[in-house]
């Protein structure tokens, strides 16, 4: 509980805030993201609300470029993918609103995969790399094959690269399972799951 004079927690410790103490909270607009519910008026009256409009594509491109050390040409393509997917959204049980396929959080996760990948040197097709990573991030969680195909089509349109899911997920090694897991079989679905799990925990 936070009051004007102090905050009292369950640990029964008294915290006296400074004169300029302020509490900030953020809330995504309800209806635009899955699981976001409208806050009660009584709760909202405790705060001074500031509403921010969405950033224009040009600013997003610049933010990606500077935060994730992306070439401007790649940041432009990534933002255009998000814009295109928002325009071609589909209704599913997981997503809601025009942000159903891709949110800003997804965009920065995608860009972080570029930033954290060591430069292999020489000629490396970063467009193909980002197309593959974008597919793994976005299409890896949709429920319908048609939606995964739509993601692949948009990535191909913007990056001029084909995404081959079979080739992408075949990179998981098909070696003998460790002792105690001999019963596991590396089927196509198992490889896909292993790849997506490894990628999700690496960023």
N, C-alpha and C. Protein backbone atom coordinates (compact mmCIF):
# COMPACT_ATOMS: atom_id res chain seq x y z
N UNK A 1 0.84 -1.18 0.00
CA UNK A 1 0.00 0.00 0.00
C UNK A 1 0.88 1.24 0.00
N UNK A 2 0.60 2.16 -0.88
CA UNK A 2 1.39 3.39 -0.97
C UNK A 2 0.51 4.57 -0.63
N UNK A 3 0.94 5.37 0.29
CA UNK A 3 0.21 6.56 0.70
C UNK A 3 1.10 7.78 0.48
N UNK A 4 0.60 8.94 0.90
CA UNK A 4 1.38 10.16 0.72
C UNK A 4 2.59 10.21 1.64
N UNK A 5 2.55 9.46 2.75
CA UNK A 5 3.63 9.56 3.71
C UNK A 5 4.57 8.36 3.73
N UNK A 6 4.04 7.18 3.41
CA UNK A 6 4.90 6.00 3.49
C UNK A 6 4.29 4.85 2.71
N UNK A 7 5.06 3.81 2.56
CA UNK A 7 4.55 2.58 1.97
C UNK A 7 4.79 1.45 2.96
N UNK A 8 3.77 0.63 3.15
CA UNK A 8 3.83 -0.42 4.16
C UNK A 8 3.61 -1.76 3.48
N UNK A 9 4.60 -2.61 3.49
CA UNK A 9 4.51 -3.90 2.82
C UNK A 9 4.20 -5.01 3.81
N UNK A 10 3.96 -6.19 3.26
CA UNK A 10 3.64 -7.33 4.11
C UNK A 10 4.80 -7.72 5.01
N UNK A 11 5.98 -7.31 4.65
CA UNK A 11 7.14 -7.61 5.49
C UNK A 11 7.19 -6.74 6.74
N UNK A 12 6.23 -5.85 6.86
CA UNK A 12 6.12 -4.96 8.01
C UNK A 12 7.35 -4.06 8.17
N UNK A 13 7.78 -3.55 7.02
CA UNK A 13 8.87 -2.59 7.00
C UNK A 13 8.32 -1.26 6.52
N UNK A 14 8.76 -0.21 7.14
CA UNK A 14 8.27 1.13 6.82
C UNK A 14 9.24 1.81 5.86
N UNK A 15 8.70 2.30 4.76
CA UNK A 15 9.51 3.01 3.78
C UNK A 15 8.97 4.43 3.65
N UNK A 16 9.80 5.38 3.90
CA UNK A 16 9.40 6.78 3.79
C UNK A 16 9.90 7.33 2.46
N UNK A 17 9.01 7.67 1.55
CA UNK A 17 9.46 8.18 0.24
C UNK A 17 10.04 9.58 0.35
N UNK A 18 10.87 9.90 -0.61
CA UNK A 18 11.43 11.25 -0.67
C UNK A 18 10.37 12.24 -1.10
N UNK A 19 10.73 13.49 -1.02
CA UNK A 19 9.76 14.55 -1.35
C UNK A 19 9.30 14.47 -2.80
N UNK A 20 10.18 14.01 -3.67
CA UNK A 20 9.86 13.99 -5.09
C UNK A 20 9.53 12.58 -5.59
N UNK A 21 9.10 11.72 -4.68
CA UNK A 21 8.76 10.34 -5.06
C UNK A 21 7.58 10.34 -6.02
N UNK A 22 7.70 9.55 -7.11
CA UNK A 22 6.61 9.40 -8.07
C UNK A 22 6.53 7.94 -8.51
N UNK A 23 5.34 7.50 -8.79
CA UNK A 23 5.11 6.14 -9.26
C UNK A 23 4.60 6.19 -10.69
N UNK A 24 5.28 5.44 -11.58
CA UNK A 24 4.88 5.39 -12.97
C UNK A 24 4.39 3.98 -13.31
N UNK A 25 3.35 3.89 -14.09
CA UNK A 25 2.83 2.59 -14.53
C UNK A 25 2.45 2.70 -16.00
N UNK A 26 2.59 1.60 -16.71
CA UNK A 26 2.22 1.57 -18.13
C UNK A 26 1.14 0.53 -18.36
N UNK A 27 0.30 0.80 -19.33
CA UNK A 27 -0.78 -0.12 -19.67
C UNK A 27 -1.02 -0.04 -21.17
N UNK A 28 -0.90 -1.17 -21.85
CA UNK A 28 -1.24 -1.19 -23.26
C UNK A 28 -2.74 -0.97 -23.42
N UNK A 29 -3.13 -0.29 -24.48
CA UNK A 29 -4.56 -0.03 -24.68
C UNK A 29 -5.37 -1.32 -24.74
N UNK A 30 -6.44 -1.43 -23.98
CA UNK A 30 -7.26 -2.65 -24.03
C UNK A 30 -7.90 -2.81 -25.40
N UNK A 31 -7.99 -4.06 -25.84
CA UNK A 31 -8.58 -4.33 -27.14
C UNK A 31 -7.56 -4.45 -28.25
N UNK A 32 -6.37 -3.89 -28.05
CA UNK A 32 -5.35 -3.95 -29.10
C UNK A 32 -4.40 -5.12 -28.90
N UNK A 33 -4.28 -5.59 -27.66
CA UNK A 33 -3.40 -6.71 -27.36
C UNK A 33 -4.22 -7.77 -26.64
N UNK A 34 -3.87 -9.02 -26.87
CA UNK A 34 -4.60 -10.09 -26.22
C UNK A 34 -4.46 -10.05 -24.72
N UNK A 35 -5.56 -10.24 -23.99
CA UNK A 35 -5.52 -10.31 -22.54
C UNK A 35 -5.54 -8.98 -21.82
N UNK A 36 -5.61 -7.88 -22.55
CA UNK A 36 -5.64 -6.56 -21.90
C UNK A 36 -7.09 -6.20 -21.58
N UNK A 37 -7.37 -5.93 -20.31
CA UNK A 37 -8.72 -5.61 -19.88
C UNK A 37 -8.78 -4.15 -19.44
N UNK A 38 -9.97 -3.60 -19.50
CA UNK A 38 -10.16 -2.21 -19.12
C UNK A 38 -10.02 -2.07 -17.61
N UNK A 39 -9.22 -1.10 -17.17
CA UNK A 39 -9.06 -0.85 -15.75
C UNK A 39 -10.26 -0.06 -15.22
N UNK A 40 -10.59 -0.27 -13.96
CA UNK A 40 -11.72 0.42 -13.37
C UNK A 40 -11.43 1.91 -13.26
N UNK A 41 -12.48 2.71 -13.27
CA UNK A 41 -12.30 4.15 -13.15
C UNK A 41 -11.74 4.53 -11.79
N UNK A 42 -12.14 3.79 -10.74
CA UNK A 42 -11.63 4.09 -9.40
C UNK A 42 -10.12 3.91 -9.35
N UNK A 43 -9.62 2.89 -10.02
CA UNK A 43 -8.18 2.66 -10.04
C UNK A 43 -7.47 3.71 -10.89
N UNK A 44 -8.05 4.04 -12.02
CA UNK A 44 -7.42 5.00 -12.93
C UNK A 44 -7.39 6.40 -12.33
N UNK A 45 -8.34 6.70 -11.45
CA UNK A 45 -8.37 8.02 -10.84
C UNK A 45 -7.20 8.27 -9.90
N UNK A 46 -6.47 7.21 -9.55
CA UNK A 46 -5.30 7.38 -8.69
C UNK A 46 -4.10 7.92 -9.47
N UNK A 47 -4.22 7.94 -10.78
CA UNK A 47 -3.09 8.32 -11.61
C UNK A 47 -3.45 9.51 -12.49
N UNK A 48 -2.43 10.19 -12.93
CA UNK A 48 -2.56 11.19 -13.98
C UNK A 48 -2.24 10.49 -15.29
N UNK A 49 -3.22 10.35 -16.16
CA UNK A 49 -3.06 9.56 -17.37
C UNK A 49 -2.44 10.38 -18.49
N UNK A 50 -1.50 9.77 -19.16
CA UNK A 50 -0.88 10.34 -20.34
C UNK A 50 -1.02 9.34 -21.48
N UNK A 51 -1.65 9.74 -22.54
CA UNK A 51 -1.88 8.85 -23.68
C UNK A 51 -0.89 9.18 -24.80
N UNK A 52 -0.25 8.15 -25.32
CA UNK A 52 0.74 8.33 -26.38
C UNK A 52 0.27 7.61 -27.64
N UNK A 53 0.33 8.31 -28.73
CA UNK A 53 -0.03 7.70 -30.01
C UNK A 53 1.11 6.79 -30.48
N UNK A 54 0.80 5.94 -31.43
CA UNK A 54 1.82 5.04 -31.95
C UNK A 54 2.89 5.81 -32.69
N UNK A 55 4.11 5.29 -32.62
CA UNK A 55 5.22 5.93 -33.30
C UNK A 55 5.08 5.75 -34.81
N UNK A 56 5.40 6.77 -35.58
CA UNK A 56 5.37 6.62 -37.04
C UNK A 56 6.47 5.67 -37.50
N UNK A 57 6.31 5.05 -38.66
CA UNK A 57 7.31 4.08 -39.13
C UNK A 57 8.72 4.65 -39.21
N UNK A 58 8.84 5.91 -39.61
CA UNK A 58 10.17 6.50 -39.75
C UNK A 58 10.92 6.54 -38.41
N UNK A 59 10.21 6.85 -37.33
CA UNK A 59 10.84 6.87 -36.01
C UNK A 59 11.20 5.47 -35.53
N UNK A 60 10.32 4.50 -35.81
CA UNK A 60 10.62 3.12 -35.45
C UNK A 60 11.87 2.62 -36.16
N UNK A 61 11.99 2.97 -37.42
CA UNK A 61 13.17 2.57 -38.19
C UNK A 61 14.44 3.13 -37.57
N UNK A 62 14.38 4.39 -37.16
CA UNK A 62 15.56 5.02 -36.55
C UNK A 62 15.89 4.40 -35.19
N UNK A 63 14.86 4.09 -34.40
CA UNK A 63 15.07 3.48 -33.09
C UNK A 63 15.72 2.10 -33.25
N UNK A 64 15.20 1.31 -34.17
CA UNK A 64 15.79 -0.02 -34.41
C UNK A 64 17.24 0.11 -34.86
N UNK A 65 17.49 1.05 -35.74
CA UNK A 65 18.83 1.22 -36.27
C UNK A 65 19.83 1.55 -35.17
N UNK A 66 19.45 2.44 -34.26
CA UNK A 66 20.39 2.90 -33.23
C UNK A 66 20.45 1.96 -32.04
N UNK A 67 19.33 1.37 -31.68
CA UNK A 67 19.32 0.50 -30.49
C UNK A 67 19.94 -0.85 -30.78
N UNK A 68 19.67 -1.41 -31.94
CA UNK A 68 20.10 -2.77 -32.25
C UNK A 68 21.21 -2.83 -33.29
N UNK A 69 21.82 -1.67 -33.59
CA UNK A 69 22.95 -1.62 -34.54
C UNK A 69 22.58 -2.21 -35.89
N UNK A 70 21.38 -1.92 -36.34
CA UNK A 70 20.89 -2.42 -37.62
C UNK A 70 21.21 -1.43 -38.73
N UNK A 71 21.58 -1.92 -39.91
CA UNK A 71 21.64 -1.03 -41.07
C UNK A 71 20.25 -0.47 -41.36
N UNK A 72 20.19 0.75 -41.81
CA UNK A 72 18.89 1.38 -42.04
C UNK A 72 18.06 0.59 -43.05
N UNK A 73 18.71 0.01 -44.03
CA UNK A 73 17.97 -0.75 -45.04
C UNK A 73 17.23 -1.93 -44.43
N UNK A 74 17.84 -2.58 -43.43
CA UNK A 74 17.19 -3.72 -42.78
C UNK A 74 16.09 -3.28 -41.83
N UNK A 75 16.31 -2.19 -41.11
CA UNK A 75 15.28 -1.70 -40.20
C UNK A 75 14.03 -1.27 -40.96
N UNK A 76 14.23 -0.70 -42.13
CA UNK A 76 13.08 -0.30 -42.97
C UNK A 76 12.27 -1.54 -43.37
N UNK A 77 12.95 -2.61 -43.75
CA UNK A 77 12.26 -3.84 -44.15
C UNK A 77 11.51 -4.46 -42.98
N UNK A 78 12.11 -4.45 -41.80
CA UNK A 78 11.48 -5.06 -40.64
C UNK A 78 10.22 -4.31 -40.24
N UNK A 79 10.30 -2.99 -40.25
CA UNK A 79 9.11 -2.20 -39.90
C UNK A 79 8.03 -2.38 -40.96
N UNK A 80 8.41 -2.50 -42.21
CA UNK A 80 7.42 -2.69 -43.26
C UNK A 80 6.74 -4.05 -43.13
N UNK A 81 7.46 -5.06 -42.63
CA UNK A 81 6.84 -6.36 -42.37
C UNK A 81 5.77 -6.23 -41.30
N UNK A 82 6.09 -5.52 -40.22
CA UNK A 82 5.12 -5.33 -39.15
C UNK A 82 3.89 -4.58 -39.66
N UNK A 83 4.10 -3.54 -40.46
CA UNK A 83 2.98 -2.77 -40.99
C UNK A 83 2.10 -3.62 -41.89
N UNK A 84 2.75 -4.42 -42.74
CA UNK A 84 1.99 -5.28 -43.65
C UNK A 84 1.18 -6.33 -42.89
N UNK A 85 1.78 -6.94 -41.88
CA UNK A 85 1.07 -7.97 -41.12
C UNK A 85 -0.09 -7.37 -40.33
N UNK A 86 0.08 -6.14 -39.86
CA UNK A 86 -1.01 -5.49 -39.14
C UNK A 86 -2.17 -5.19 -40.08
N UNK A 87 -1.86 -4.89 -41.33
CA UNK A 87 -2.91 -4.63 -42.30
C UNK A 87 -3.63 -5.92 -42.71
N UNK A 88 -2.92 -7.03 -42.63
CA UNK A 88 -3.48 -8.31 -43.08
C UNK A 88 -3.72 -9.27 -41.91
N UNK A 89 -4.13 -8.70 -40.82
CA UNK A 89 -4.31 -9.49 -39.60
C UNK A 89 -5.41 -10.54 -39.80
N UNK A 90 -5.35 -11.55 -38.96
CA UNK A 90 -6.38 -12.60 -38.97
C UNK A 90 -6.83 -12.82 -37.54
N UNK A 91 -8.08 -13.23 -37.37
CA UNK A 91 -8.61 -13.48 -36.04
C UNK A 91 -8.32 -14.92 -35.64
N UNK A 92 -7.67 -15.07 -34.47
CA UNK A 92 -7.44 -16.40 -33.92
C UNK A 92 -7.74 -16.35 -32.44
N UNK A 93 -7.64 -17.47 -31.79
CA UNK A 93 -7.87 -17.50 -30.36
C UNK A 93 -6.72 -16.95 -29.55
N UNK A 94 -5.55 -16.74 -30.19
CA UNK A 94 -4.38 -16.27 -29.45
C UNK A 94 -4.24 -14.77 -29.55
N UNK A 95 -4.49 -14.22 -30.74
CA UNK A 95 -4.22 -12.82 -30.98
C UNK A 95 -5.51 -12.02 -31.07
N UNK A 96 -5.39 -10.71 -30.95
CA UNK A 96 -6.56 -9.84 -31.03
C UNK A 96 -6.15 -8.52 -31.65
N UNK A 97 -7.10 -7.92 -32.37
CA UNK A 97 -6.85 -6.62 -32.94
C UNK A 97 -5.85 -6.65 -34.08
N UNK A 98 -5.50 -5.46 -34.57
CA UNK A 98 -4.60 -5.41 -35.73
C UNK A 98 -3.18 -5.71 -35.35
N UNK A 99 -2.88 -5.81 -34.05
CA UNK A 99 -1.55 -6.20 -33.60
C UNK A 99 -1.46 -7.72 -33.44
N UNK A 100 -2.45 -8.46 -33.99
CA UNK A 100 -2.51 -9.88 -33.76
C UNK A 100 -1.29 -10.64 -34.22
N UNK A 101 -0.74 -10.28 -35.36
CA UNK A 101 0.41 -11.01 -35.87
C UNK A 101 1.71 -10.52 -35.27
N UNK A 102 1.81 -9.24 -35.00
CA UNK A 102 3.11 -8.69 -34.61
C UNK A 102 2.91 -7.43 -33.78
N UNK A 103 3.61 -7.33 -32.67
CA UNK A 103 3.59 -6.16 -31.81
C UNK A 103 4.97 -5.52 -31.81
N UNK A 104 5.08 -4.36 -31.17
CA UNK A 104 6.38 -3.71 -31.05
C UNK A 104 7.36 -4.58 -30.28
N UNK A 105 6.86 -5.30 -29.30
CA UNK A 105 7.72 -6.20 -28.54
C UNK A 105 8.32 -7.27 -29.44
N UNK A 106 7.51 -7.80 -30.36
CA UNK A 106 8.02 -8.78 -31.33
C UNK A 106 9.07 -8.14 -32.23
N UNK A 107 8.82 -6.90 -32.63
CA UNK A 107 9.76 -6.21 -33.52
C UNK A 107 11.14 -6.09 -32.88
N UNK A 108 11.18 -5.71 -31.61
CA UNK A 108 12.46 -5.54 -30.94
C UNK A 108 13.11 -6.89 -30.61
N UNK A 109 12.30 -7.90 -30.32
CA UNK A 109 12.86 -9.25 -30.14
C UNK A 109 13.55 -9.70 -31.42
N UNK A 110 12.90 -9.45 -32.52
CA UNK A 110 13.44 -9.80 -33.83
C UNK A 110 14.77 -9.08 -34.08
N UNK A 111 14.78 -7.79 -33.81
CA UNK A 111 16.00 -7.01 -34.02
C UNK A 111 17.12 -7.44 -33.07
N UNK A 112 16.76 -7.84 -31.86
CA UNK A 112 17.78 -8.28 -30.91
C UNK A 112 18.49 -9.53 -31.40
N UNK A 113 17.82 -10.37 -32.14
CA UNK A 113 18.46 -11.57 -32.68
C UNK A 113 19.55 -11.19 -33.67
N UNK A 114 19.35 -10.10 -34.38
CA UNK A 114 20.42 -9.61 -35.26
C UNK A 114 21.58 -9.09 -34.43
N UNK A 115 21.28 -8.28 -33.41
CA UNK A 115 22.34 -7.65 -32.63
C UNK A 115 23.20 -8.68 -31.90
N UNK A 116 22.58 -9.76 -31.44
CA UNK A 116 23.30 -10.75 -30.65
C UNK A 116 23.97 -11.84 -31.48
N UNK A 117 23.81 -11.77 -32.78
CA UNK A 117 24.43 -12.77 -33.64
C UNK A 117 25.82 -12.27 -34.06
N UNK A 118 26.87 -13.03 -33.76
CA UNK A 118 28.22 -12.60 -34.17
C UNK A 118 28.33 -12.50 -35.69
N UNK A 119 29.09 -11.54 -36.15
CA UNK A 119 29.32 -11.36 -37.58
C UNK A 119 30.24 -12.47 -38.07
N UNK A 120 29.75 -13.35 -38.94
CA UNK A 120 30.60 -14.46 -39.42
C UNK A 120 31.72 -14.00 -40.35
N UNK A 121 31.66 -12.75 -40.78
CA UNK A 121 32.68 -12.25 -41.68
C UNK A 121 32.43 -12.66 -43.12
N UNK A 122 33.08 -11.97 -44.03
CA UNK A 122 32.88 -12.28 -45.44
C UNK A 122 31.47 -11.93 -45.88
N UNK A 123 31.00 -12.61 -46.91
CA UNK A 123 29.65 -12.37 -47.39
C UNK A 123 28.66 -13.20 -46.59
N UNK A 124 27.73 -12.53 -45.98
CA UNK A 124 26.68 -13.24 -45.24
C UNK A 124 25.35 -12.61 -45.60
N UNK A 125 24.39 -13.44 -45.92
CA UNK A 125 23.08 -12.96 -46.35
C UNK A 125 22.23 -12.62 -45.13
N UNK A 126 22.34 -11.38 -44.67
CA UNK A 126 21.57 -10.95 -43.50
C UNK A 126 20.08 -10.86 -43.80
N UNK A 127 19.73 -10.62 -45.05
CA UNK A 127 18.31 -10.60 -45.41
C UNK A 127 17.69 -11.98 -45.20
N UNK A 128 18.41 -13.02 -45.63
CA UNK A 128 17.91 -14.38 -45.42
C UNK A 128 17.87 -14.72 -43.93
N UNK A 129 18.88 -14.27 -43.21
CA UNK A 129 18.92 -14.53 -41.77
C UNK A 129 17.72 -13.92 -41.07
N UNK A 130 17.42 -12.66 -41.37
CA UNK A 130 16.30 -11.99 -40.71
C UNK A 130 14.97 -12.55 -41.17
N UNK A 131 14.89 -12.96 -42.42
CA UNK A 131 13.65 -13.59 -42.89
C UNK A 131 13.40 -14.89 -42.13
N UNK A 132 14.45 -15.69 -41.96
CA UNK A 132 14.30 -16.95 -41.21
C UNK A 132 13.94 -16.70 -39.76
N UNK A 133 14.64 -15.74 -39.13
CA UNK A 133 14.38 -15.45 -37.72
C UNK A 133 12.99 -14.85 -37.53
N UNK A 134 12.57 -14.03 -38.47
CA UNK A 134 11.23 -13.46 -38.40
C UNK A 134 10.16 -14.53 -38.51
N UNK A 135 10.41 -15.49 -39.39
CA UNK A 135 9.45 -16.60 -39.53
C UNK A 135 9.39 -17.43 -38.27
N UNK A 136 10.56 -17.74 -37.70
CA UNK A 136 10.58 -18.56 -36.48
C UNK A 136 9.86 -17.84 -35.34
N UNK A 137 10.03 -16.52 -35.26
CA UNK A 137 9.43 -15.76 -34.17
C UNK A 137 7.93 -15.60 -34.34
N UNK A 138 7.49 -15.29 -35.54
CA UNK A 138 6.09 -14.94 -35.77
C UNK A 138 5.23 -16.14 -36.16
N UNK A 139 5.72 -16.94 -37.09
CA UNK A 139 4.93 -18.08 -37.55
C UNK A 139 5.00 -19.25 -36.58
N UNK A 140 5.97 -19.21 -35.68
CA UNK A 140 6.12 -20.31 -34.75
C UNK A 140 5.03 -20.39 -33.71
N UNK A 141 4.18 -19.38 -33.62
CA UNK A 141 3.16 -19.40 -32.58
C UNK A 141 1.73 -19.34 -33.12
N UNK A 142 1.57 -19.26 -34.43
CA UNK A 142 0.21 -19.24 -34.97
C UNK A 142 -0.38 -20.64 -34.97
N UNK A 143 -1.67 -20.71 -35.04
CA UNK A 143 -2.36 -22.00 -34.92
C UNK A 143 -2.73 -22.60 -36.28
N UNK A 144 -2.91 -21.74 -37.26
CA UNK A 144 -3.37 -22.25 -38.56
C UNK A 144 -2.24 -22.22 -39.57
N UNK A 145 -2.12 -23.26 -40.39
CA UNK A 145 -1.08 -23.28 -41.44
C UNK A 145 -1.22 -22.11 -42.40
N UNK A 146 -2.46 -21.66 -42.64
CA UNK A 146 -2.66 -20.54 -43.56
C UNK A 146 -2.02 -19.26 -43.02
N UNK A 147 -2.03 -19.11 -41.70
CA UNK A 147 -1.44 -17.91 -41.11
C UNK A 147 0.09 -17.96 -41.18
N UNK A 148 0.66 -19.15 -40.97
CA UNK A 148 2.10 -19.30 -41.12
C UNK A 148 2.52 -19.02 -42.56
N UNK A 149 1.70 -19.44 -43.51
CA UNK A 149 1.99 -19.18 -44.91
C UNK A 149 1.92 -17.69 -45.21
N UNK A 150 0.98 -17.00 -44.59
CA UNK A 150 0.86 -15.56 -44.79
C UNK A 150 2.10 -14.84 -44.27
N UNK A 151 2.60 -15.25 -43.11
CA UNK A 151 3.82 -14.66 -42.57
C UNK A 151 4.98 -14.86 -43.54
N UNK A 152 5.09 -16.07 -44.08
CA UNK A 152 6.17 -16.37 -45.03
C UNK A 152 6.04 -15.51 -46.29
N UNK A 153 4.82 -15.31 -46.75
CA UNK A 153 4.60 -14.51 -47.96
C UNK A 153 5.00 -13.06 -47.74
N UNK A 154 4.66 -12.51 -46.58
CA UNK A 154 5.01 -11.11 -46.30
C UNK A 154 6.52 -10.96 -46.17
N UNK A 155 7.17 -11.90 -45.50
CA UNK A 155 8.63 -11.85 -45.37
C UNK A 155 9.30 -11.95 -46.74
N UNK A 156 8.79 -12.81 -47.60
CA UNK A 156 9.34 -12.94 -48.94
C UNK A 156 9.14 -11.66 -49.74
N UNK A 157 8.01 -11.04 -49.57
CA UNK A 157 7.70 -9.80 -50.29
C UNK A 157 8.64 -8.67 -49.88
N UNK A 158 8.93 -8.57 -48.60
CA UNK A 158 9.73 -7.44 -48.10
C UNK A 158 11.23 -7.70 -48.19
N UNK A 159 11.66 -8.93 -47.94
CA UNK A 159 13.10 -9.24 -47.92
C UNK A 159 13.60 -9.86 -49.22
N UNK A 160 12.66 -10.22 -50.12
CA UNK A 160 13.03 -10.85 -51.38
C UNK A 160 13.80 -12.16 -51.15
N UNK A 161 13.39 -12.87 -50.11
CA UNK A 161 14.00 -14.16 -49.79
C UNK A 161 12.91 -15.17 -49.47
N UNK A 162 13.11 -16.39 -49.92
CA UNK A 162 12.16 -17.46 -49.63
C UNK A 162 12.51 -18.10 -48.28
N UNK A 163 11.49 -18.39 -47.50
CA UNK A 163 11.68 -19.09 -46.23
C UNK A 163 11.20 -20.52 -46.40
N UNK A 164 12.10 -21.44 -46.18
CA UNK A 164 11.78 -22.87 -46.29
C UNK A 164 11.74 -23.45 -44.88
N UNK A 165 10.54 -23.64 -44.31
CA UNK A 165 10.47 -24.15 -42.93
C UNK A 165 11.16 -25.49 -42.75
N UNK A 166 11.06 -26.36 -43.74
CA UNK A 166 11.71 -27.66 -43.63
C UNK A 166 13.21 -27.53 -43.52
N UNK A 167 13.79 -26.67 -44.33
CA UNK A 167 15.23 -26.44 -44.28
C UNK A 167 15.63 -25.69 -43.02
N UNK A 168 14.78 -24.75 -42.60
CA UNK A 168 15.08 -23.95 -41.41
C UNK A 168 15.17 -24.81 -40.16
N UNK A 169 14.20 -25.69 -39.97
CA UNK A 169 14.14 -26.50 -38.75
C UNK A 169 14.99 -27.77 -38.85
N UNK A 170 15.52 -28.05 -40.03
CA UNK A 170 16.36 -29.24 -40.17
C UNK A 170 17.75 -29.01 -39.60
N UNK A 171 18.03 -27.79 -39.17
CA UNK A 171 19.33 -27.50 -38.58
C UNK A 171 19.52 -28.11 -37.21
N UNK A 172 18.46 -28.60 -36.60
CA UNK A 172 18.58 -29.27 -35.30
C UNK A 172 19.30 -30.59 -35.49
N UNK A 173 20.37 -30.85 -34.77
CA UNK A 173 21.14 -32.08 -34.99
C UNK A 173 20.33 -33.33 -34.72
N UNK A 174 20.46 -34.28 -35.60
CA UNK A 174 19.75 -35.56 -35.44
C UNK A 174 20.74 -36.60 -34.92
N UNK A 175 21.22 -36.38 -33.72
CA UNK A 175 22.18 -37.30 -33.13
C UNK A 175 21.45 -38.20 -32.14
N UNK A 176 22.20 -39.15 -31.60
CA UNK A 176 21.63 -40.07 -30.62
C UNK A 176 21.30 -39.29 -29.35
N UNK A 177 20.12 -39.51 -28.81
CA UNK A 177 19.69 -38.79 -27.61
C UNK A 177 20.56 -39.19 -26.43
N UNK A 178 20.73 -38.28 -25.46
CA UNK A 178 21.53 -38.61 -24.27
C UNK A 178 20.93 -39.79 -23.51
N UNK A 179 21.75 -40.36 -22.65
CA UNK A 179 21.32 -41.51 -21.87
C UNK A 179 20.10 -41.14 -21.03
N UNK A 180 19.11 -41.99 -21.06
CA UNK A 180 17.87 -41.73 -20.36
C UNK A 180 16.79 -41.16 -21.26
N UNK A 181 17.19 -40.73 -22.47
CA UNK A 181 16.22 -40.16 -23.42
C UNK A 181 16.26 -40.91 -24.76
N UNK A 182 16.66 -42.18 -24.69
CA UNK A 182 16.76 -42.95 -25.92
C UNK A 182 15.42 -43.13 -26.61
N UNK A 183 14.34 -42.95 -25.86
CA UNK A 183 13.02 -43.15 -26.44
C UNK A 183 12.58 -41.99 -27.32
N UNK A 184 13.30 -40.87 -27.28
CA UNK A 184 12.93 -39.71 -28.09
C UNK A 184 13.32 -39.94 -29.55
N UNK A 185 12.42 -39.50 -30.42
CA UNK A 185 12.66 -39.61 -31.85
C UNK A 185 12.59 -38.21 -32.45
N UNK A 186 13.62 -37.84 -33.24
CA UNK A 186 13.67 -36.49 -33.83
C UNK A 186 12.76 -36.42 -35.05
N UNK A 187 11.47 -36.34 -34.81
CA UNK A 187 10.54 -36.13 -35.91
C UNK A 187 10.60 -34.68 -36.36
N UNK A 188 9.91 -34.36 -37.44
CA UNK A 188 9.89 -32.98 -37.94
C UNK A 188 9.32 -32.02 -36.91
N UNK A 189 8.25 -32.43 -36.23
CA UNK A 189 7.65 -31.56 -35.22
C UNK A 189 8.57 -31.39 -34.02
N UNK A 190 9.28 -32.47 -33.65
CA UNK A 190 10.20 -32.38 -32.52
C UNK A 190 11.36 -31.44 -32.84
N UNK A 191 11.86 -31.48 -34.06
CA UNK A 191 12.94 -30.57 -34.46
C UNK A 191 12.45 -29.12 -34.44
N UNK A 192 11.25 -28.91 -34.93
CA UNK A 192 10.69 -27.56 -34.94
C UNK A 192 10.56 -27.03 -33.53
N UNK A 193 10.04 -27.85 -32.63
CA UNK A 193 9.87 -27.42 -31.25
C UNK A 193 11.22 -27.13 -30.59
N UNK A 194 12.21 -27.96 -30.86
CA UNK A 194 13.53 -27.76 -30.27
C UNK A 194 14.16 -26.47 -30.78
N UNK A 195 14.00 -26.20 -32.06
CA UNK A 195 14.55 -24.97 -32.64
C UNK A 195 13.91 -23.74 -32.04
N UNK A 196 12.58 -23.75 -31.97
CA UNK A 196 11.87 -22.59 -31.44
C UNK A 196 12.18 -22.37 -29.96
N UNK A 197 12.29 -23.47 -29.20
CA UNK A 197 12.62 -23.34 -27.77
C UNK A 197 14.02 -22.78 -27.58
N UNK A 198 14.96 -23.23 -28.41
CA UNK A 198 16.33 -22.72 -28.29
C UNK A 198 16.41 -21.26 -28.66
N UNK A 199 15.70 -20.86 -29.71
CA UNK A 199 15.72 -19.46 -30.13
C UNK A 199 15.05 -18.55 -29.11
N UNK A 200 13.97 -19.02 -28.51
CA UNK A 200 13.24 -18.18 -27.55
C UNK A 200 14.03 -17.94 -26.28
N UNK A 201 14.90 -18.86 -25.92
CA UNK A 201 15.68 -18.70 -24.69
C UNK A 201 17.02 -18.02 -24.94
N UNK A 202 17.37 -17.83 -26.21
CA UNK A 202 18.66 -17.21 -26.51
C UNK A 202 18.59 -15.70 -26.50
N UNK A 203 17.39 -15.12 -26.53
CA UNK A 203 17.22 -13.67 -26.53
C UNK A 203 16.41 -13.26 -25.33
